[in-house]
Structure formats: C-alpha cells, structure tokens
N, C-alpha and C. Protein backbone atom coordinates (compact mmCIF):
# COMPACT_ATOMS: atom_id res chain seq x y z
N SER A 1 -15.80 -4.65 10.45
CA SER A 1 -17.08 -5.22 10.09
C SER A 1 -16.92 -6.06 8.83
N GLU A 2 -17.93 -6.84 8.53
CA GLU A 2 -17.88 -7.67 7.33
C GLU A 2 -17.81 -6.81 6.07
N LEU A 3 -18.55 -5.71 6.06
CA LEU A 3 -18.54 -4.81 4.90
C LEU A 3 -17.15 -4.20 4.71
N GLU A 4 -16.52 -3.75 5.80
CA GLU A 4 -15.18 -3.16 5.71
C GLU A 4 -14.16 -4.20 5.24
N THR A 5 -14.30 -5.43 5.69
CA THR A 5 -13.39 -6.50 5.28
C THR A 5 -13.56 -6.79 3.79
N THR A 6 -14.79 -6.86 3.33
CA THR A 6 -15.06 -7.09 1.91
C THR A 6 -14.51 -5.95 1.07
N THR A 7 -14.71 -4.73 1.52
CA THR A 7 -14.20 -3.56 0.81
C THR A 7 -12.69 -3.61 0.72
N LEU A 8 -12.02 -3.96 1.82
CA LEU A 8 -10.56 -4.05 1.82
C LEU A 8 -10.09 -5.16 0.89
N GLU A 9 -10.76 -6.29 0.90
CA GLU A 9 -10.40 -7.39 0.00
C GLU A 9 -10.50 -6.95 -1.46
N ARG A 10 -11.57 -6.24 -1.79
CA ARG A 10 -11.75 -5.76 -3.17
C ARG A 10 -10.65 -4.75 -3.53
N ALA A 11 -10.35 -3.86 -2.62
CA ALA A 11 -9.30 -2.87 -2.86
C ALA A 11 -7.95 -3.55 -3.06
N ALA A 12 -7.67 -4.57 -2.25
CA ALA A 12 -6.40 -5.29 -2.38
C ALA A 12 -6.29 -5.98 -3.73
N LEU A 13 -7.39 -6.54 -4.19
CA LEU A 13 -7.37 -7.23 -5.47
C LEU A 13 -7.21 -6.26 -6.65
N LEU A 14 -7.71 -5.04 -6.50
CA LEU A 14 -7.76 -4.10 -7.62
C LEU A 14 -6.73 -2.98 -7.56
N HIS A 15 -5.99 -2.86 -6.46
CA HIS A 15 -5.17 -1.66 -6.28
C HIS A 15 -4.08 -1.47 -7.33
N ASP A 16 -3.59 -2.54 -7.95
CA ASP A 16 -2.54 -2.43 -8.96
C ASP A 16 -3.09 -2.37 -10.39
N LEU A 17 -4.37 -2.21 -10.53
CA LEU A 17 -5.00 -2.18 -11.85
C LEU A 17 -4.34 -1.16 -12.78
N GLY A 18 -3.96 -0.03 -12.24
CA GLY A 18 -3.32 1.02 -13.04
C GLY A 18 -2.02 0.58 -13.69
N LYS A 19 -1.30 -0.34 -13.05
CA LYS A 19 -0.05 -0.85 -13.63
C LYS A 19 -0.31 -1.63 -14.91
N PHE A 20 -1.46 -2.29 -14.97
CA PHE A 20 -1.78 -3.09 -16.14
C PHE A 20 -2.39 -2.26 -17.26
N ILE A 21 -3.10 -1.22 -16.88
CA ILE A 21 -3.73 -0.36 -17.88
C ILE A 21 -2.71 0.59 -18.47
N ALA A 22 -1.84 1.14 -17.63
CA ALA A 22 -0.82 2.08 -18.07
C ALA A 22 0.53 1.62 -17.55
N PRO A 23 1.09 0.60 -18.17
CA PRO A 23 2.39 0.11 -17.70
C PRO A 23 3.46 1.18 -17.90
N GLU A 24 4.61 0.92 -17.34
CA GLU A 24 5.72 1.86 -17.45
C GLU A 24 6.02 2.15 -18.91
N HIS A 25 6.45 3.36 -19.15
CA HIS A 25 6.90 3.72 -20.49
C HIS A 25 8.24 3.03 -20.73
N GLU A 26 8.58 2.80 -21.97
CA GLU A 26 9.82 2.11 -22.28
C GLU A 26 11.03 2.83 -21.71
N ASP A 27 10.98 4.15 -21.63
CA ASP A 27 12.13 4.90 -21.14
C ASP A 27 12.15 5.03 -19.62
N GLU A 28 11.17 4.43 -18.92
CA GLU A 28 11.13 4.49 -17.46
C GLU A 28 11.89 3.32 -16.85
N ASP A 29 12.61 3.61 -15.80
CA ASP A 29 13.29 2.57 -15.04
C ASP A 29 12.25 1.84 -14.21
N PRO A 30 12.13 0.51 -14.33
CA PRO A 30 11.10 -0.22 -13.57
C PRO A 30 11.32 -0.16 -12.06
N LEU A 31 12.52 0.21 -11.63
CA LEU A 31 12.78 0.35 -10.20
C LEU A 31 12.59 1.77 -9.70
N ASP A 32 12.21 2.68 -10.61
CA ASP A 32 11.93 4.06 -10.23
C ASP A 32 10.69 4.11 -9.36
N LEU A 33 10.84 4.58 -8.15
CA LEU A 33 9.72 4.64 -7.23
C LEU A 33 9.19 6.06 -7.08
N SER A 34 9.34 6.86 -8.15
CA SER A 34 8.92 8.26 -8.07
C SER A 34 7.43 8.38 -7.84
N THR A 35 7.09 9.39 -7.12
CA THR A 35 5.69 9.66 -6.79
C THR A 35 4.87 9.87 -8.06
N ARG A 36 5.42 10.55 -9.05
CA ARG A 36 4.68 10.86 -10.26
C ARG A 36 4.21 9.59 -10.96
N ARG A 37 5.11 8.63 -11.12
CA ARG A 37 4.75 7.38 -11.80
C ARG A 37 3.69 6.62 -11.02
N TRP A 38 3.88 6.48 -9.70
CA TRP A 38 2.92 5.74 -8.88
C TRP A 38 1.59 6.47 -8.81
N ALA A 39 1.63 7.79 -8.71
CA ALA A 39 0.39 8.56 -8.63
C ALA A 39 -0.43 8.40 -9.90
N ARG A 40 0.22 8.37 -11.05
CA ARG A 40 -0.48 8.17 -12.32
C ARG A 40 -1.18 6.82 -12.31
N GLN A 41 -0.49 5.79 -11.85
CA GLN A 41 -1.08 4.45 -11.83
C GLN A 41 -2.24 4.36 -10.83
N VAL A 42 -2.10 5.01 -9.68
CA VAL A 42 -3.19 5.02 -8.70
C VAL A 42 -4.39 5.76 -9.28
N ASP A 43 -4.17 6.91 -9.90
CA ASP A 43 -5.27 7.68 -10.50
C ASP A 43 -6.02 6.86 -11.55
N ILE A 44 -5.29 6.14 -12.36
CA ILE A 44 -5.93 5.32 -13.40
C ILE A 44 -6.76 4.22 -12.76
N ALA A 45 -6.18 3.53 -11.78
CA ALA A 45 -6.91 2.45 -11.09
C ALA A 45 -8.19 2.99 -10.47
N VAL A 46 -8.09 4.09 -9.76
CA VAL A 46 -9.26 4.68 -9.10
C VAL A 46 -10.33 5.07 -10.12
N SER A 47 -9.91 5.68 -11.22
CA SER A 47 -10.91 6.12 -12.21
C SER A 47 -11.67 4.94 -12.79
N VAL A 48 -11.02 3.81 -12.96
CA VAL A 48 -11.68 2.62 -13.49
C VAL A 48 -12.56 1.98 -12.42
N ILE A 49 -12.01 1.80 -11.22
CA ILE A 49 -12.72 1.10 -10.14
C ILE A 49 -13.99 1.85 -9.73
N GLU A 50 -13.90 3.17 -9.62
CA GLU A 50 -15.06 3.91 -9.12
C GLU A 50 -16.18 4.03 -10.14
N GLU A 51 -15.98 3.53 -11.35
CA GLU A 51 -17.07 3.49 -12.33
C GLU A 51 -18.17 2.54 -11.89
N SER A 52 -17.82 1.56 -11.08
CA SER A 52 -18.81 0.61 -10.58
C SER A 52 -19.30 1.08 -9.21
N PRO A 53 -20.58 1.36 -9.07
CA PRO A 53 -21.09 1.81 -7.77
C PRO A 53 -20.76 0.83 -6.63
N ALA A 54 -20.72 -0.45 -6.93
CA ALA A 54 -20.43 -1.45 -5.89
C ALA A 54 -18.97 -1.41 -5.44
N LEU A 55 -18.11 -0.74 -6.20
CA LEU A 55 -16.68 -0.70 -5.88
C LEU A 55 -16.20 0.68 -5.44
N ARG A 56 -17.09 1.63 -5.28
CA ARG A 56 -16.66 2.99 -4.94
C ARG A 56 -15.93 3.06 -3.60
N ALA A 57 -16.38 2.29 -2.62
CA ALA A 57 -15.68 2.29 -1.32
C ALA A 57 -14.28 1.70 -1.46
N ALA A 58 -14.14 0.67 -2.30
CA ALA A 58 -12.82 0.09 -2.55
C ALA A 58 -11.93 1.11 -3.28
N ALA A 59 -12.51 1.87 -4.20
CA ALA A 59 -11.75 2.90 -4.92
C ALA A 59 -11.21 3.94 -3.95
N ALA A 60 -11.99 4.28 -2.94
CA ALA A 60 -11.52 5.26 -1.95
C ALA A 60 -10.31 4.72 -1.18
N LEU A 61 -10.31 3.43 -0.89
CA LEU A 61 -9.14 2.84 -0.21
C LEU A 61 -7.93 2.82 -1.13
N VAL A 62 -8.14 2.49 -2.39
CA VAL A 62 -7.04 2.49 -3.35
C VAL A 62 -6.47 3.90 -3.46
N ARG A 63 -7.34 4.90 -3.55
CA ARG A 63 -6.90 6.30 -3.66
C ARG A 63 -6.00 6.69 -2.48
N ALA A 64 -6.34 6.23 -1.29
CA ALA A 64 -5.59 6.63 -0.08
C ALA A 64 -4.48 5.65 0.28
N SER A 65 -4.26 4.63 -0.53
CA SER A 65 -3.30 3.58 -0.16
C SER A 65 -1.84 4.02 -0.25
N ARG A 66 -1.56 5.19 -0.75
CA ARG A 66 -0.19 5.72 -0.80
C ARG A 66 -0.01 6.92 0.13
N GLU A 67 -1.01 7.16 0.95
CA GLU A 67 -0.89 8.22 1.94
C GLU A 67 -0.01 7.72 3.09
N CYS A 68 0.69 8.62 3.73
CA CYS A 68 1.61 8.27 4.83
C CYS A 68 1.16 8.93 6.12
N MET A 69 1.46 8.28 7.22
CA MET A 69 1.04 8.76 8.53
C MET A 69 1.51 10.19 8.80
N ASP A 70 2.68 10.56 8.29
CA ASP A 70 3.22 11.89 8.55
C ASP A 70 2.76 12.94 7.53
N GLY A 71 1.88 12.54 6.61
CA GLY A 71 1.36 13.49 5.62
C GLY A 71 2.19 13.60 4.36
N SER A 72 3.26 12.82 4.24
CA SER A 72 4.15 12.93 3.08
C SER A 72 3.70 12.11 1.89
N GLY A 73 2.58 11.39 2.01
CA GLY A 73 2.11 10.55 0.91
C GLY A 73 1.33 11.33 -0.13
N TYR A 74 0.65 10.61 -0.99
CA TYR A 74 -0.10 11.22 -2.07
C TYR A 74 -1.33 10.38 -2.35
N PRO A 75 -2.32 10.88 -2.97
CA PRO A 75 -2.38 12.14 -3.72
C PRO A 75 -2.87 13.33 -2.91
N LEU A 76 -3.43 13.11 -1.72
CA LEU A 76 -4.07 14.20 -0.98
C LEU A 76 -3.27 14.73 0.20
N GLY A 77 -2.18 14.07 0.54
CA GLY A 77 -1.38 14.51 1.69
C GLY A 77 -2.09 14.28 3.02
N LEU A 78 -2.94 13.24 3.06
CA LEU A 78 -3.63 12.92 4.32
C LEU A 78 -2.61 12.48 5.36
N ARG A 79 -2.99 12.58 6.64
CA ARG A 79 -2.08 12.15 7.70
C ARG A 79 -2.86 11.47 8.80
N GLY A 80 -2.18 10.55 9.47
CA GLY A 80 -2.74 9.88 10.64
C GLY A 80 -4.14 9.37 10.43
N GLY A 81 -5.03 9.74 11.35
CA GLY A 81 -6.41 9.28 11.35
C GLY A 81 -7.24 9.75 10.18
N GLU A 82 -6.74 10.69 9.39
CA GLU A 82 -7.46 11.11 8.18
C GLU A 82 -7.44 10.00 7.13
N ILE A 83 -6.47 9.11 7.23
CA ILE A 83 -6.32 8.01 6.28
C ILE A 83 -7.24 6.87 6.72
N PRO A 84 -8.12 6.40 5.85
CA PRO A 84 -9.00 5.30 6.24
C PRO A 84 -8.18 4.09 6.70
N ILE A 85 -8.65 3.40 7.73
CA ILE A 85 -7.91 2.26 8.27
C ILE A 85 -7.65 1.21 7.19
N GLY A 86 -8.60 0.98 6.32
CA GLY A 86 -8.39 0.00 5.24
C GLY A 86 -7.24 0.39 4.34
N ALA A 87 -7.08 1.67 4.06
CA ALA A 87 -5.97 2.15 3.23
C ALA A 87 -4.65 1.98 3.98
N ARG A 88 -4.66 2.17 5.29
CA ARG A 88 -3.43 1.96 6.08
C ARG A 88 -3.02 0.50 6.05
N VAL A 89 -4.00 -0.39 6.15
CA VAL A 89 -3.71 -1.83 6.08
C VAL A 89 -3.19 -2.18 4.69
N LEU A 90 -3.84 -1.68 3.66
CA LEU A 90 -3.43 -1.96 2.28
C LEU A 90 -2.00 -1.46 2.03
N HIS A 91 -1.65 -0.30 2.55
CA HIS A 91 -0.31 0.25 2.38
C HIS A 91 0.75 -0.68 2.97
N VAL A 92 0.52 -1.15 4.18
CA VAL A 92 1.48 -2.05 4.82
C VAL A 92 1.54 -3.39 4.07
N ALA A 93 0.39 -3.95 3.72
CA ALA A 93 0.37 -5.24 3.03
C ALA A 93 1.05 -5.16 1.67
N ASP A 94 0.78 -4.09 0.93
CA ASP A 94 1.38 -3.94 -0.39
C ASP A 94 2.89 -3.76 -0.28
N THR A 95 3.32 -2.97 0.69
CA THR A 95 4.76 -2.76 0.89
C THR A 95 5.43 -4.06 1.33
N PHE A 96 4.78 -4.79 2.23
CA PHE A 96 5.33 -6.09 2.66
C PHE A 96 5.52 -7.00 1.45
N ASP A 97 4.52 -7.07 0.60
CA ASP A 97 4.59 -7.91 -0.59
C ASP A 97 5.72 -7.46 -1.52
N ALA A 98 5.81 -6.17 -1.78
CA ALA A 98 6.85 -5.64 -2.67
C ALA A 98 8.24 -5.88 -2.10
N LEU A 99 8.42 -5.61 -0.81
CA LEU A 99 9.73 -5.82 -0.18
C LEU A 99 10.12 -7.29 -0.20
N SER A 100 9.16 -8.16 0.04
CA SER A 100 9.45 -9.60 0.01
C SER A 100 9.93 -10.03 -1.37
N ALA A 101 9.30 -9.52 -2.41
CA ALA A 101 9.69 -9.87 -3.77
C ALA A 101 11.08 -9.32 -4.09
N VAL A 102 11.35 -8.08 -3.68
CA VAL A 102 12.66 -7.47 -3.95
C VAL A 102 13.75 -8.23 -3.20
N CYS A 103 13.51 -8.56 -1.94
CA CYS A 103 14.50 -9.30 -1.16
C CYS A 103 14.79 -10.64 -1.81
N ALA A 104 13.75 -11.32 -2.24
CA ALA A 104 13.92 -12.63 -2.88
C ALA A 104 14.74 -12.51 -4.16
N SER A 105 14.43 -11.49 -4.97
CA SER A 105 15.13 -11.34 -6.24
C SER A 105 16.59 -10.92 -6.06
N LEU A 106 16.88 -10.23 -4.97
CA LEU A 106 18.25 -9.78 -4.71
C LEU A 106 19.02 -10.73 -3.81
N GLY A 107 18.35 -11.77 -3.35
CA GLY A 107 19.00 -12.71 -2.45
C GLY A 107 19.24 -12.14 -1.06
N VAL A 108 18.45 -11.14 -0.69
CA VAL A 108 18.56 -10.51 0.63
C VAL A 108 17.69 -11.29 1.61
N THR A 109 18.15 -11.43 2.82
CA THR A 109 17.39 -12.16 3.83
C THR A 109 16.03 -11.53 4.08
N GLN A 110 15.04 -12.36 4.31
CA GLN A 110 13.67 -11.89 4.54
C GLN A 110 13.55 -11.12 5.85
N GLU A 111 14.52 -11.20 6.75
CA GLU A 111 14.46 -10.41 7.98
C GLU A 111 14.48 -8.91 7.71
N ALA A 112 14.93 -8.53 6.52
CA ALA A 112 14.96 -7.11 6.15
C ALA A 112 13.55 -6.55 6.01
N VAL A 113 12.59 -7.39 5.69
CA VAL A 113 11.22 -6.91 5.45
C VAL A 113 10.59 -6.36 6.72
N PRO A 114 10.48 -7.14 7.80
CA PRO A 114 9.88 -6.56 9.01
C PRO A 114 10.69 -5.39 9.55
N ALA A 115 12.01 -5.46 9.41
CA ALA A 115 12.85 -4.36 9.89
C ALA A 115 12.52 -3.06 9.17
N GLU A 116 12.28 -3.14 7.87
CA GLU A 116 11.93 -1.94 7.09
C GLU A 116 10.57 -1.40 7.49
N LEU A 117 9.61 -2.29 7.71
CA LEU A 117 8.28 -1.85 8.15
C LEU A 117 8.37 -1.15 9.50
N VAL A 118 9.11 -1.74 10.43
CA VAL A 118 9.26 -1.15 11.76
C VAL A 118 9.98 0.19 11.67
N ARG A 119 10.98 0.27 10.82
CA ARG A 119 11.75 1.52 10.67
C ARG A 119 10.85 2.66 10.19
N ASN A 120 9.85 2.34 9.39
CA ASN A 120 8.96 3.37 8.84
C ASN A 120 7.63 3.49 9.58
N ALA A 121 7.46 2.74 10.65
CA ALA A 121 6.23 2.84 11.46
C ALA A 121 6.20 4.21 12.12
N GLY A 122 5.11 4.90 11.94
CA GLY A 122 4.96 6.24 12.50
C GLY A 122 5.19 7.33 11.48
N SER A 123 6.03 7.07 10.48
CA SER A 123 6.22 8.05 9.41
C SER A 123 5.40 7.64 8.19
N ARG A 124 5.74 6.53 7.56
CA ARG A 124 4.95 6.05 6.42
C ARG A 124 3.75 5.23 6.85
N PHE A 125 3.95 4.36 7.83
CA PHE A 125 2.94 3.38 8.19
C PHE A 125 2.35 3.60 9.57
N ASP A 126 1.12 3.17 9.74
CA ASP A 126 0.46 3.18 11.05
C ASP A 126 1.17 2.14 11.92
N PRO A 127 1.75 2.55 13.05
CA PRO A 127 2.48 1.61 13.90
C PRO A 127 1.61 0.45 14.38
N ALA A 128 0.35 0.69 14.64
CA ALA A 128 -0.54 -0.39 15.10
C ALA A 128 -0.77 -1.41 13.99
N VAL A 129 -0.85 -0.95 12.74
CA VAL A 129 -1.04 -1.86 11.61
C VAL A 129 0.23 -2.67 11.39
N VAL A 130 1.39 -2.04 11.49
CA VAL A 130 2.66 -2.77 11.35
C VAL A 130 2.76 -3.84 12.43
N ALA A 131 2.46 -3.48 13.66
CA ALA A 131 2.54 -4.44 14.76
C ALA A 131 1.59 -5.61 14.54
N ALA A 132 0.37 -5.31 14.12
CA ALA A 132 -0.61 -6.37 13.87
C ALA A 132 -0.17 -7.28 12.73
N CYS A 133 0.38 -6.70 11.69
CA CYS A 133 0.87 -7.47 10.55
C CYS A 133 1.97 -8.42 10.99
N LEU A 134 2.94 -7.90 11.72
CA LEU A 134 4.06 -8.73 12.13
C LEU A 134 3.64 -9.80 13.14
N ARG A 135 2.70 -9.46 14.01
CA ARG A 135 2.17 -10.47 14.95
C ARG A 135 1.45 -11.59 14.19
N THR A 136 0.64 -11.19 13.23
CA THR A 136 -0.11 -12.16 12.44
C THR A 136 0.82 -13.11 11.69
N LEU A 137 1.92 -12.56 11.19
CA LEU A 137 2.87 -13.36 10.42
C LEU A 137 3.95 -13.99 11.30
N ASP A 138 3.86 -13.72 12.62
CA ASP A 138 4.83 -14.23 13.58
C ASP A 138 6.26 -13.84 13.18
N MET A 139 6.41 -12.54 12.85
CA MET A 139 7.70 -12.02 12.41
C MET A 139 8.15 -10.90 13.35
N ALA A 140 8.99 -11.24 14.29
CA ALA A 140 9.60 -10.27 15.19
C ALA A 140 8.59 -9.32 15.82
N PRO A 141 7.54 -9.82 16.46
CA PRO A 141 6.55 -8.92 17.05
C PRO A 141 7.14 -8.02 18.12
N GLU A 142 8.20 -8.47 18.78
CA GLU A 142 8.79 -7.62 19.82
C GLU A 142 9.42 -6.36 19.24
N ALA A 143 9.85 -6.43 17.98
CA ALA A 143 10.43 -5.26 17.33
C ALA A 143 9.35 -4.24 17.02
N ALA A 144 8.14 -4.71 16.77
CA ALA A 144 7.04 -3.79 16.42
C ALA A 144 6.50 -3.14 17.67
C-alpha cells in the first residue's frame, strides 16, 4: 500500500541513524560485524525515531531490520513471517548496499553481491525478497 511504501522509505532513510549518533569507539574495528555493536546502533536509532509519532511505524521496521528468517537475528529473534515484510525488504536492500560498497573497495567483482544474497536466502533473508530484488536489478534472476 502507499502507507507501507512511505513507511519503508522513511525506515530506509533513517535506519543508520544510530551510526551517526553513536559511532564506533576508537578501539573498535570498523569491519567488526558483531551483533553487540550493530544492536547498540539499532537500539539508538529506534529510540530516536520512535520519539516522533509519525515515525513509529518506521521505527518498528528499523528495529526488525536485523532479524533473520531462521530466527538467528536480533534484537527479538523473530523468524519468517513474524518479521514485518518492510523489515525483510530493508534487510536485503541494506545488505546489498553494504556488499556493493565492500566489493568496490576491495576490487571484487560485483557478481559476488547477488551470489551472497542467494546463498543466504532462506536463512538470513526472505527468498521471495531476494528474488524480487535481483529481478528488479536484472541481476541473475535465474539464480534466485
């Protein structure tokens, strides 16, 4: 719906807010992908975003944007259909963006990005969201 699309757009724009409010500590490795560091940043973003009544639905998507289909995500350990569809889309989009940047900085071919999404479809990511993403971007849809 239009409301869900607007909510997802707001969540996408605001989901990294915690990184700017509480950047990494000097002694933290910027490539450390530990759950604790990311969870702290998500918690901070959510606490700021949900202060605005107009953004509470977006805050809920940000909160669930690190949940995984198999329940291994955080902060609530949601799984499958318990994860709002907008959060599942945000998770794939954010990961796609991060992987693209890492591949570019390391000189790794961009074909690694869809391959990684497909490899984690069903465990970390919603397979239908991965397939839709790759179809939309015209990136190896047959693999999805």
